Amino acid sequence: MNALSSIEAEKIYRKRIDSETPRIMNKEQKKLSEERIKKANEYAKKMREKQKVSC
């Protein structure tokens, strides 16, 4: 019973940390993820163009 309560307390603690993460970090992470998405989209377009040429 004690182990269960400690696991639940840890979950609550993690949720609290996640909710209290600084917004600056979130903005930086969003910028990074947006850049990754843009790069992935550009790469996908290039690959599609190559497939059109080869077919």
N, C-alpha and C. Protein backbone atom coordinates (compact mmCIF):
# COMPACT_ATOMS: atom_id res chain seq x y z
N MET A 1 0.83 -1.19 0.00
CA MET A 1 0.00 0.00 0.00
C MET A 1 0.88 1.26 0.00
N ASN A 2 1.96 1.19 0.74
CA ASN A 2 2.88 2.33 0.80
C ASN A 2 3.55 2.56 -0.56
N ALA A 3 3.91 1.47 -1.25
CA ALA A 3 4.56 1.59 -2.56
C ALA A 3 3.62 2.24 -3.57
N LEU A 4 2.35 1.87 -3.54
CA LEU A 4 1.38 2.46 -4.46
C LEU A 4 1.27 3.96 -4.24
N SER A 5 1.19 4.36 -2.99
CA SER A 5 1.04 5.79 -2.72
C SER A 5 2.28 6.56 -3.15
N SER A 6 3.46 5.97 -3.01
CA SER A 6 4.67 6.67 -3.43
C SER A 6 4.73 6.79 -4.95
N ILE A 7 4.26 5.76 -5.67
CA ILE A 7 4.24 5.81 -7.14
C ILE A 7 3.27 6.90 -7.59
N GLU A 8 2.10 6.96 -6.95
CA GLU A 8 1.12 7.98 -7.31
C GLU A 8 1.65 9.37 -6.97
N ALA A 9 2.35 9.49 -5.85
CA ALA A 9 2.94 10.78 -5.48
C ALA A 9 3.97 11.20 -6.52
N GLU A 10 4.74 10.25 -7.03
CA GLU A 10 5.74 10.56 -8.05
C GLU A 10 5.06 11.04 -9.33
N LYS A 11 3.94 10.38 -9.72
CA LYS A 11 3.20 10.80 -10.90
C LYS A 11 2.70 12.23 -10.74
N ILE A 12 2.14 12.53 -9.57
CA ILE A 12 1.63 13.87 -9.31
C ILE A 12 2.77 14.88 -9.38
N TYR A 13 3.92 14.53 -8.79
CA TYR A 13 5.08 15.41 -8.80
C TYR A 13 5.54 15.68 -10.23
N ARG A 14 5.58 14.64 -11.07
CA ARG A 14 5.99 14.81 -12.47
C ARG A 14 5.01 15.70 -13.21
N LYS A 15 3.71 15.50 -12.97
CA LYS A 15 2.71 16.35 -13.61
C LYS A 15 2.92 17.81 -13.21
N ARG A 16 3.23 18.04 -11.95
CA ARG A 16 3.44 19.40 -11.46
C ARG A 16 4.66 20.01 -12.15
N ILE A 17 5.75 19.24 -12.28
CA ILE A 17 6.96 19.73 -12.95
C ILE A 17 6.63 20.06 -14.40
N ASP A 18 5.88 19.18 -15.08
CA ASP A 18 5.52 19.42 -16.47
C ASP A 18 4.70 20.69 -16.61
N SER A 19 3.79 20.93 -15.68
CA SER A 19 2.93 22.12 -15.77
C SER A 19 3.70 23.39 -15.44
N GLU A 20 4.77 23.25 -14.65
CA GLU A 20 5.52 24.43 -14.23
C GLU A 20 6.78 24.67 -15.05
N THR A 21 6.95 23.93 -16.16
CA THR A 21 8.14 24.17 -16.99
C THR A 21 8.10 25.60 -17.52
N PRO A 22 9.23 26.26 -17.54
CA PRO A 22 9.24 27.65 -17.99
C PRO A 22 8.74 27.80 -19.43
N ARG A 23 8.00 28.86 -19.66
CA ARG A 23 7.44 29.08 -21.00
C ARG A 23 8.52 29.36 -22.02
N ILE A 24 9.63 29.92 -21.58
CA ILE A 24 10.74 30.19 -22.50
C ILE A 24 11.22 28.88 -23.11
N MET A 25 11.38 27.85 -22.28
CA MET A 25 11.80 26.55 -22.78
C MET A 25 10.79 26.02 -23.79
N ASN A 26 9.51 26.16 -23.47
CA ASN A 26 8.48 25.66 -24.39
C ASN A 26 8.57 26.37 -25.73
N LYS A 27 8.81 27.70 -25.71
CA LYS A 27 8.94 28.45 -26.96
C LYS A 27 10.13 27.96 -27.76
N GLU A 28 11.26 27.72 -27.07
CA GLU A 28 12.45 27.24 -27.77
C GLU A 28 12.20 25.85 -28.37
N GLN A 29 11.53 25.00 -27.62
CA GLN A 29 11.23 23.66 -28.12
C GLN A 29 10.28 23.74 -29.31
N LYS A 30 9.30 24.65 -29.26
CA LYS A 30 8.39 24.82 -30.39
C LYS A 30 9.15 25.27 -31.63
N LYS A 31 10.07 26.23 -31.45
CA LYS A 31 10.86 26.70 -32.60
C LYS A 31 11.66 25.55 -33.19
N LEU A 32 12.30 24.76 -32.33
CA LEU A 32 13.10 23.63 -32.81
C LEU A 32 12.22 22.63 -33.55
N SER A 33 11.06 22.31 -33.00
CA SER A 33 10.19 21.33 -33.64
C SER A 33 9.66 21.88 -34.96
N GLU A 34 9.35 23.20 -35.01
CA GLU A 34 8.87 23.78 -36.26
C GLU A 34 9.96 23.73 -37.33
N GLU A 35 11.22 24.01 -36.93
CA GLU A 35 12.33 23.92 -37.88
C GLU A 35 12.49 22.49 -38.39
N ARG A 36 12.37 21.52 -37.48
CA ARG A 36 12.49 20.11 -37.90
C ARG A 36 11.38 19.75 -38.87
N ILE A 37 10.15 20.22 -38.60
CA ILE A 37 9.03 19.91 -39.47
C ILE A 37 9.25 20.53 -40.85
N LYS A 38 9.74 21.79 -40.87
CA LYS A 38 10.01 22.44 -42.15
C LYS A 38 11.05 21.67 -42.94
N LYS A 39 12.14 21.26 -42.27
CA LYS A 39 13.19 20.51 -42.95
C LYS A 39 12.65 19.18 -43.47
N ALA A 40 11.82 18.53 -42.67
CA ALA A 40 11.24 17.25 -43.09
C ALA A 40 10.33 17.44 -44.29
N ASN A 41 9.54 18.51 -44.29
CA ASN A 41 8.65 18.78 -45.42
C ASN A 41 9.44 19.07 -46.69
N GLU A 42 10.52 19.87 -46.56
CA GLU A 42 11.36 20.16 -47.72
C GLU A 42 11.98 18.88 -48.27
N TYR A 43 12.46 18.02 -47.37
CA TYR A 43 13.06 16.76 -47.78
C TYR A 43 12.02 15.88 -48.48
N ALA A 44 10.80 15.85 -47.93
CA ALA A 44 9.74 15.05 -48.53
C ALA A 44 9.41 15.56 -49.93
N LYS A 45 9.39 16.88 -50.11
CA LYS A 45 9.12 17.45 -51.44
C LYS A 45 10.20 17.03 -52.42
N LYS A 46 11.47 17.10 -51.99
CA LYS A 46 12.57 16.71 -52.86
C LYS A 46 12.44 15.25 -53.27
N MET A 47 12.10 14.40 -52.31
CA MET A 47 11.96 12.98 -52.60
C MET A 47 10.82 12.73 -53.58
N ARG A 48 9.70 13.46 -53.41
CA ARG A 48 8.57 13.31 -54.33
C ARG A 48 8.97 13.72 -55.74
N GLU A 49 9.72 14.83 -55.85
CA GLU A 49 10.17 15.30 -57.17
C GLU A 49 11.08 14.26 -57.81
N LYS A 50 11.97 13.65 -57.03
CA LYS A 50 12.86 12.62 -57.56
C LYS A 50 12.05 11.43 -58.05
N GLN A 51 11.01 11.05 -57.30
CA GLN A 51 10.18 9.91 -57.71
C GLN A 51 9.44 10.23 -59.00
N LYS A 52 8.95 11.46 -59.14
CA LYS A 52 8.25 11.84 -60.37
C LYS A 52 9.18 11.77 -61.56
N VAL A 53 10.42 12.22 -61.37
CA VAL A 53 11.40 12.20 -62.45
C VAL A 53 11.75 10.77 -62.84
N SER A 54 11.92 9.90 -61.86
CA SER A 54 12.34 8.53 -62.14
C SER A 54 11.21 7.70 -62.75
N CYS A 55 9.96 8.02 -62.43
CA CYS A 55 8.84 7.21 -62.94
C CYS A 55 8.46 7.53 -64.35
